[in-house]
Every structure is written in C-alpha cells, then in structure tokens.
C-alpha cells in the first residue's frame, strides 16, 4: 500500500473538558472549536482532536509521542509554565536513552505525553 498520507490526528478524551482545553492552550496549541464538546488543537501541520468524553480505562492507556527539535528547551518551557502546580499534573524529567531523549507529561485527565527527539 502507498498511503500518501498528509496527516494523522488522534482523538483523545477529557475528564474535565474545560480544564483540558485551557491546559492545551497553555502548552501552545491553537484551538479551533468544532462543537461545544469537540475541538481540534494544532501546532504547525500537526493536530489532535479533544472531545468531552472520559472512559478511565481508555484515557489511562493513551500515550502520544510528540517529536520536538530540542527536548531540553521543551522541558524547560514546561517547567516555566508551572503546569504541575497549575493543573496538578505529573512532569517527569528528561531521560537520555540509546535511541534519543524524552520527558513525560500527564495531562489533567491522565493521558501520557512523550516529548522527545530521536538520535539521527
């Protein structure tokens, strides 16, 4: 198969939709409201959908990897945003591994984000 894909947009849920919307805007994603309970968040050509739907088993098993240019810079920006105190979320420091580097951030609902960079 030749996909010729132009984007991929995961759907994620929110335990508290308004809190999650604010959280992702604070992280620098641009929100477009599609419906009162459904938005798309973009950064550059990348995007994901946030919906006002929560299923604990689904949310707590959702992980998203976002590759960034500079993990150290990104981690320091997350620290500067003070998201751990503002949202009560967990931010895990950078790990440097054989394949690359990454830090972790749980969103307010429990979704685990990996912000990383692959070694070339």
N, C-alpha and C. Protein backbone atom coordinates (compact mmCIF):
# COMPACT_ATOMS: atom_id res chain seq x y z
N UNK A 1 0.83 -1.19 0.00
CA UNK A 1 0.00 0.00 0.00
C UNK A 1 0.87 1.25 0.00
N UNK A 2 0.45 2.22 -0.75
CA UNK A 2 1.09 3.52 -0.75
C UNK A 2 0.09 4.51 -0.15
N UNK A 3 0.32 4.91 1.08
CA UNK A 3 -0.66 5.73 1.79
C UNK A 3 -0.77 7.16 1.28
N UNK A 4 0.33 7.77 0.92
CA UNK A 4 0.32 9.18 0.53
C UNK A 4 -0.44 10.03 1.56
N UNK A 5 -0.27 9.69 2.84
CA UNK A 5 -0.95 10.40 3.92
C UNK A 5 -0.39 11.80 4.08
N UNK A 6 -1.22 12.70 4.53
CA UNK A 6 -0.80 14.08 4.76
C UNK A 6 -0.86 14.47 6.23
N UNK A 7 -1.60 13.71 7.03
CA UNK A 7 -1.62 13.97 8.48
C UNK A 7 -2.23 12.77 9.19
N UNK A 8 -2.03 12.75 10.50
CA UNK A 8 -2.70 11.78 11.35
C UNK A 8 -3.16 12.55 12.58
N UNK A 9 -4.41 12.36 12.97
CA UNK A 9 -4.98 13.13 14.07
C UNK A 9 -5.66 12.20 15.06
N UNK A 10 -4.99 11.92 16.16
CA UNK A 10 -5.64 11.08 17.16
C UNK A 10 -6.78 11.82 17.86
N UNK A 11 -7.73 11.04 18.38
CA UNK A 11 -8.81 11.56 19.19
C UNK A 11 -8.48 11.23 20.64
N UNK A 12 -8.53 12.23 21.51
CA UNK A 12 -8.31 11.97 22.93
C UNK A 12 -9.50 12.51 23.71
N UNK A 13 -9.68 11.97 24.90
CA UNK A 13 -10.79 12.38 25.74
C UNK A 13 -10.33 13.29 26.86
N UNK A 14 -11.31 13.80 27.59
CA UNK A 14 -11.04 14.71 28.70
C UNK A 14 -11.98 14.41 29.85
N UNK A 15 -11.41 14.35 31.03
CA UNK A 15 -12.21 14.17 32.25
C UNK A 15 -12.98 15.45 32.55
N UNK A 16 -12.29 16.58 32.43
CA UNK A 16 -12.90 17.90 32.57
C UNK A 16 -12.51 18.67 31.31
N UNK A 17 -13.44 18.76 30.38
CA UNK A 17 -13.18 19.31 29.05
C UNK A 17 -12.61 20.73 29.11
N UNK A 18 -13.17 21.59 29.94
CA UNK A 18 -12.71 22.99 30.01
C UNK A 18 -11.29 23.08 30.55
N UNK A 19 -10.97 22.28 31.56
CA UNK A 19 -9.61 22.27 32.11
C UNK A 19 -8.63 21.79 31.05
N UNK A 20 -8.98 20.73 30.34
CA UNK A 20 -8.09 20.21 29.29
C UNK A 20 -7.90 21.22 28.17
N UNK A 21 -8.96 21.91 27.79
CA UNK A 21 -8.84 22.93 26.75
C UNK A 21 -7.84 24.01 27.16
N UNK A 22 -7.94 24.48 28.38
CA UNK A 22 -7.03 25.50 28.88
C UNK A 22 -5.60 24.97 28.95
N UNK A 23 -5.45 23.72 29.41
CA UNK A 23 -4.14 23.08 29.50
C UNK A 23 -3.45 23.06 28.14
N UNK A 24 -4.15 22.60 27.11
CA UNK A 24 -3.52 22.51 25.79
C UNK A 24 -3.26 23.88 25.17
N UNK A 25 -4.09 24.85 25.46
CA UNK A 25 -3.80 26.22 25.00
C UNK A 25 -2.55 26.74 25.71
N UNK A 26 -2.42 26.47 27.00
CA UNK A 26 -1.22 26.88 27.74
C UNK A 26 0.04 26.24 27.17
N UNK A 27 -0.08 25.01 26.64
CA UNK A 27 1.07 24.33 26.04
C UNK A 27 1.42 24.90 24.66
N UNK A 28 0.60 25.82 24.17
CA UNK A 28 0.91 26.47 22.91
C UNK A 28 0.19 25.92 21.70
N UNK A 29 -0.74 25.01 21.91
CA UNK A 29 -1.54 24.50 20.80
C UNK A 29 -2.63 25.52 20.47
N UNK A 30 -2.95 25.66 19.20
CA UNK A 30 -4.00 26.57 18.75
C UNK A 30 -5.31 25.79 18.66
N UNK A 31 -6.34 26.27 19.37
CA UNK A 31 -7.62 25.57 19.39
C UNK A 31 -8.58 26.12 18.37
N UNK A 32 -9.27 25.21 17.69
CA UNK A 32 -10.42 25.56 16.86
C UNK A 32 -11.60 24.77 17.41
N UNK A 33 -12.61 25.47 17.88
CA UNK A 33 -13.80 24.82 18.43
C UNK A 33 -14.64 24.32 17.25
N UNK A 34 -14.92 23.02 17.25
CA UNK A 34 -15.73 22.42 16.19
C UNK A 34 -17.18 22.27 16.63
N UNK A 35 -17.37 21.93 17.89
CA UNK A 35 -18.68 21.85 18.53
C UNK A 35 -18.47 22.21 20.00
N UNK A 36 -19.53 22.33 20.76
CA UNK A 36 -19.38 22.73 22.17
C UNK A 36 -18.60 21.70 22.99
N UNK A 37 -18.51 20.49 22.51
CA UNK A 37 -17.81 19.42 23.25
C UNK A 37 -16.71 18.76 22.42
N UNK A 38 -16.19 19.50 21.44
CA UNK A 38 -15.24 18.90 20.50
C UNK A 38 -14.39 19.99 19.86
N UNK A 39 -13.06 19.88 19.99
CA UNK A 39 -12.14 20.86 19.42
C UNK A 39 -10.98 20.17 18.74
N UNK A 40 -10.34 20.88 17.85
CA UNK A 40 -9.09 20.42 17.26
C UNK A 40 -7.99 21.37 17.74
N UNK A 41 -6.85 20.78 18.13
CA UNK A 41 -5.70 21.55 18.59
C UNK A 41 -4.56 21.33 17.62
N UNK A 42 -3.94 22.44 17.18
CA UNK A 42 -2.90 22.37 16.16
C UNK A 42 -1.62 23.03 16.62
N UNK A 43 -0.53 22.50 16.09
CA UNK A 43 0.77 23.15 16.16
C UNK A 43 1.44 22.86 14.82
N UNK A 44 1.67 23.90 14.05
CA UNK A 44 2.20 23.69 12.71
C UNK A 44 1.24 22.83 11.89
N UNK A 45 1.77 21.77 11.28
CA UNK A 45 0.95 20.87 10.47
C UNK A 45 0.39 19.70 11.27
N UNK A 46 0.65 19.66 12.57
CA UNK A 46 0.22 18.56 13.42
C UNK A 46 -1.04 18.95 14.19
N UNK A 47 -1.89 17.95 14.46
CA UNK A 47 -3.13 18.24 15.17
C UNK A 47 -3.66 17.00 15.87
N UNK A 48 -4.52 17.25 16.85
CA UNK A 48 -5.27 16.18 17.50
C UNK A 48 -6.64 16.73 17.89
N UNK A 49 -7.59 15.81 18.07
CA UNK A 49 -8.94 16.18 18.48
C UNK A 49 -9.11 15.93 19.97
N UNK A 50 -9.75 16.86 20.65
CA UNK A 50 -10.10 16.71 22.06
C UNK A 50 -11.61 16.67 22.15
N UNK A 51 -12.11 15.65 22.83
CA UNK A 51 -13.56 15.51 22.97
C UNK A 51 -13.95 15.45 24.44
N UNK A 52 -15.13 15.91 24.72
CA UNK A 52 -15.67 15.89 26.08
C UNK A 52 -16.23 14.50 26.34
N UNK A 53 -15.32 13.56 26.50
CA UNK A 53 -15.69 12.16 26.75
C UNK A 53 -14.59 11.55 27.60
N UNK A 54 -14.98 10.81 28.63
CA UNK A 54 -14.00 10.22 29.53
C UNK A 54 -14.36 8.77 29.82
N UNK A 55 -13.43 7.88 29.50
CA UNK A 55 -13.51 6.47 29.88
C UNK A 55 -12.16 6.17 30.54
N UNK A 56 -12.17 5.97 31.83
CA UNK A 56 -10.95 5.83 32.62
C UNK A 56 -9.95 4.85 32.00
N UNK A 57 -10.40 3.68 31.61
CA UNK A 57 -9.50 2.66 31.07
C UNK A 57 -8.86 3.12 29.76
N UNK A 58 -9.61 3.83 28.97
CA UNK A 58 -9.09 4.34 27.69
C UNK A 58 -8.08 5.46 27.95
N UNK A 59 -8.47 6.44 28.73
CA UNK A 59 -7.61 7.59 28.98
C UNK A 59 -6.30 7.17 29.63
N UNK A 60 -6.37 6.31 30.64
CA UNK A 60 -5.17 5.91 31.37
C UNK A 60 -4.27 4.98 30.56
N UNK A 61 -4.70 4.59 29.38
CA UNK A 61 -3.87 3.76 28.50
C UNK A 61 -3.55 4.47 27.19
N UNK A 62 -3.78 5.77 27.15
CA UNK A 62 -3.47 6.56 25.96
C UNK A 62 -2.12 7.24 26.13
N UNK A 63 -1.26 7.08 25.13
CA UNK A 63 0.04 7.75 25.09
C UNK A 63 0.22 8.39 23.73
N UNK A 64 0.81 9.56 23.72
CA UNK A 64 1.10 10.27 22.48
C UNK A 64 2.56 10.70 22.51
N UNK A 65 3.27 10.44 21.43
CA UNK A 65 4.66 10.87 21.31
C UNK A 65 4.70 12.05 20.36
N UNK A 66 5.22 13.18 20.85
CA UNK A 66 5.40 14.36 20.02
C UNK A 66 6.90 14.61 19.90
N UNK A 67 7.41 14.49 18.69
CA UNK A 67 8.84 14.74 18.48
C UNK A 67 9.06 16.24 18.41
N UNK A 68 10.03 16.72 19.19
CA UNK A 68 10.36 18.14 19.23
C UNK A 68 11.82 18.32 18.82
N UNK A 69 12.16 19.53 18.41
CA UNK A 69 13.53 19.79 17.96
C UNK A 69 14.55 19.73 19.09
N UNK A 70 14.17 20.21 20.28
CA UNK A 70 15.11 20.32 21.39
C UNK A 70 14.38 19.94 22.68
N UNK A 71 14.64 18.75 23.19
CA UNK A 71 13.94 18.24 24.38
C UNK A 71 14.28 19.09 25.61
N UNK A 72 15.53 19.49 25.75
CA UNK A 72 15.92 20.29 26.91
C UNK A 72 15.15 21.62 26.92
N UNK A 73 15.08 22.27 25.78
CA UNK A 73 14.34 23.52 25.68
C UNK A 73 12.87 23.29 26.01
N UNK A 74 12.28 22.24 25.44
CA UNK A 74 10.86 21.96 25.65
C UNK A 74 10.57 21.68 27.13
N UNK A 75 11.42 20.89 27.75
CA UNK A 75 11.25 20.56 29.18
C UNK A 75 11.33 21.84 30.03
N UNK A 76 12.29 22.69 29.72
CA UNK A 76 12.42 23.95 30.47
C UNK A 76 11.21 24.86 30.26
N UNK A 77 10.62 24.84 29.09
CA UNK A 77 9.40 25.60 28.83
C UNK A 77 8.24 25.05 29.66
N UNK A 78 8.16 23.71 29.75
CA UNK A 78 7.11 23.10 30.58
C UNK A 78 7.28 23.50 32.05
N UNK A 79 8.52 23.52 32.51
CA UNK A 79 8.79 23.95 33.89
C UNK A 79 8.36 25.40 34.09
N UNK A 80 8.68 26.25 33.12
CA UNK A 80 8.35 27.67 33.22
C UNK A 80 6.84 27.91 33.24
N UNK A 81 6.08 27.04 32.58
CA UNK A 81 4.62 27.16 32.57
C UNK A 81 4.00 26.78 33.90
N UNK A 82 4.78 26.10 34.75
CA UNK A 82 4.32 25.71 36.08
C UNK A 82 3.06 24.82 36.01
N UNK A 83 3.03 23.94 35.02
CA UNK A 83 1.84 23.09 34.82
C UNK A 83 1.60 22.12 35.96
N UNK A 84 2.67 21.71 36.65
CA UNK A 84 2.48 20.75 37.75
C UNK A 84 1.64 21.36 38.86
N UNK A 85 1.89 22.61 39.20
CA UNK A 85 1.11 23.27 40.25
C UNK A 85 -0.23 23.77 39.72
N UNK A 86 -0.24 24.32 38.53
CA UNK A 86 -1.48 24.89 37.98
C UNK A 86 -2.54 23.83 37.71
N UNK A 87 -2.10 22.64 37.22
CA UNK A 87 -3.05 21.61 36.83
C UNK A 87 -2.96 20.33 37.67
N UNK A 88 -1.98 20.26 38.57
CA UNK A 88 -1.82 19.06 39.38
C UNK A 88 -1.38 17.85 38.56
N UNK A 89 -0.64 18.10 37.48
CA UNK A 89 -0.19 17.03 36.60
C UNK A 89 1.23 16.60 36.96
N UNK A 90 1.63 15.47 36.43
CA UNK A 90 2.96 14.93 36.69
C UNK A 90 3.87 15.18 35.49
N UNK A 91 5.02 15.80 35.76
CA UNK A 91 6.05 16.05 34.75
C UNK A 91 7.30 15.27 35.16
N UNK A 92 7.76 14.40 34.28
CA UNK A 92 8.93 13.57 34.55
C UNK A 92 10.12 14.12 33.79
N UNK A 93 11.26 14.29 34.48
CA UNK A 93 12.46 14.85 33.83
C UNK A 93 12.93 14.05 32.61
N UNK A 94 13.80 14.66 31.86
CA UNK A 94 14.33 14.07 30.62
C UNK A 94 15.13 12.81 30.91
N UNK A 95 14.91 11.82 30.07
CA UNK A 95 15.72 10.60 30.08
C UNK A 95 16.49 10.57 28.77
N UNK A 96 17.78 10.27 28.86
CA UNK A 96 18.62 10.14 27.67
C UNK A 96 18.88 8.65 27.47
N UNK A 97 18.42 8.12 26.34
CA UNK A 97 18.49 6.69 26.06
C UNK A 97 19.26 6.46 24.77
N UNK A 98 19.48 5.21 24.42
CA UNK A 98 20.22 4.87 23.20
C UNK A 98 19.55 5.43 21.94
N UNK A 99 18.24 5.44 21.90
CA UNK A 99 17.52 5.87 20.70
C UNK A 99 17.32 7.39 20.63
N UNK A 100 17.42 8.08 21.81
CA UNK A 100 17.18 9.51 21.84
C UNK A 100 16.88 9.98 23.25
N UNK A 101 16.15 11.08 23.37
CA UNK A 101 15.82 11.66 24.67
C UNK A 101 14.34 11.99 24.71
N UNK A 102 13.78 11.95 25.95
CA UNK A 102 12.37 12.30 26.11
C UNK A 102 12.07 12.69 27.54
N UNK A 103 11.01 13.48 27.70
CA UNK A 103 10.44 13.75 29.01
C UNK A 103 8.96 13.37 28.90
N UNK A 104 8.30 13.26 30.04
CA UNK A 104 6.91 12.81 30.07
C UNK A 104 6.05 13.83 30.79
N UNK A 105 4.82 13.99 30.32
CA UNK A 105 3.85 14.85 30.96
C UNK A 105 2.48 14.19 30.89
N UNK A 106 1.87 13.99 32.05
CA UNK A 106 0.48 13.52 32.08
C UNK A 106 -0.42 14.75 31.96
N UNK A 107 -1.44 14.67 31.12
CA UNK A 107 -2.37 15.79 31.02
C UNK A 107 -3.35 15.71 32.20
N UNK A 108 -4.23 16.69 32.38
CA UNK A 108 -5.13 16.69 33.53
C UNK A 108 -6.06 15.47 33.62
N UNK A 109 -6.27 14.78 32.52
CA UNK A 109 -7.12 13.59 32.53
C UNK A 109 -6.34 12.30 32.76
N UNK A 110 -5.02 12.34 32.52
CA UNK A 110 -4.19 11.15 32.71
C UNK A 110 -3.52 10.65 31.45
N UNK A 111 -3.74 11.30 30.32
CA UNK A 111 -3.07 10.91 29.08
C UNK A 111 -1.58 11.20 29.22
N UNK A 112 -0.76 10.24 28.81
CA UNK A 112 0.69 10.37 28.94
C UNK A 112 1.29 10.86 27.62
N UNK A 113 1.86 12.05 27.68
CA UNK A 113 2.55 12.63 26.53
C UNK A 113 4.04 12.37 26.67
N UNK A 114 4.68 11.94 25.59
CA UNK A 114 6.11 11.82 25.48
C UNK A 114 6.57 12.95 24.59
N UNK A 115 7.46 13.79 25.06
CA UNK A 115 8.04 14.84 24.24
C UNK A 115 9.49 14.44 24.04
N UNK A 116 9.86 14.11 22.82
CA UNK A 116 11.17 13.55 22.61
C UNK A 116 11.83 13.91 21.30
N UNK A 117 13.04 13.43 21.19
CA UNK A 117 13.87 13.65 20.00
C UNK A 117 14.64 12.36 19.73
N UNK A 118 14.57 11.88 18.50
CA UNK A 118 15.29 10.68 18.10
C UNK A 118 16.71 11.04 17.70
N UNK A 119 17.66 10.19 18.06
CA UNK A 119 19.02 10.35 17.56
C UNK A 119 19.01 10.10 16.06
N UNK A 120 19.78 10.84 15.35
CA UNK A 120 19.85 10.66 13.88
C UNK A 120 20.96 9.70 13.53
